[in-house]
Amino acid sequence: MADVAQAANLTRATLYRHFSNRQTLLKAIQAEALARASETLIACRLDEGSALEVLARVIDSLSRHGMRFRIILLRAPDQNARFLAQRDEVLAPLVEVIRRGQREGDIHADLSPEWIVTAMASLLISAVRAAPKTKHSDADVSNLIFRTLVGGIAACATTGGPKN
């Protein structure tokens, strides 16, 4: 609780008044993170623009939120099956964006859309975890994540590779 209180600029006593224990607090933070991610996807206008344009908007927005919820990302939520299932549900609309990008020829069709969304989520989590060491700005982090992801999935000249 001490590290959470410090990160939030609160005292431990204040946290304990609202949350009986660390697990209750982390569950509340996870719920808030999922709610913000869901709102973010809606705000990113998933139906507007190419799939790659949508992914750029999503990555930019989610990476900014990721820094806010860094405390849970550092506490390995990727080992919590319930949280992962809820995260997959929140990110499910991106699977259709990927499928659209595959139909339009912008994204390799031989990659599973679910895998691509998982890879994107993993890159976002890794970027947040590495942020203190890398010293990149939020804009740089978003750009690096996008370029890394698109470098692996794009089927067009965006990465200079051949279109398959």
Foldseek 3Di string as FASTA:
>chain_A
DCVVCVVVVHDVVVVCVPAVDDVRVLVVLLVVLLVQLLVQLVVLPLPDDALLSSLLSSLLSNLVSCLVSLVNLVVPCVVVVVSVVSNCVSCVVNLVSQVRNVVVQFWPPVDRSSVLSVLLVVLSSVCSVCCVVPVDDSVVSSVVSSCVSSCPTTQDCPNPDHRD
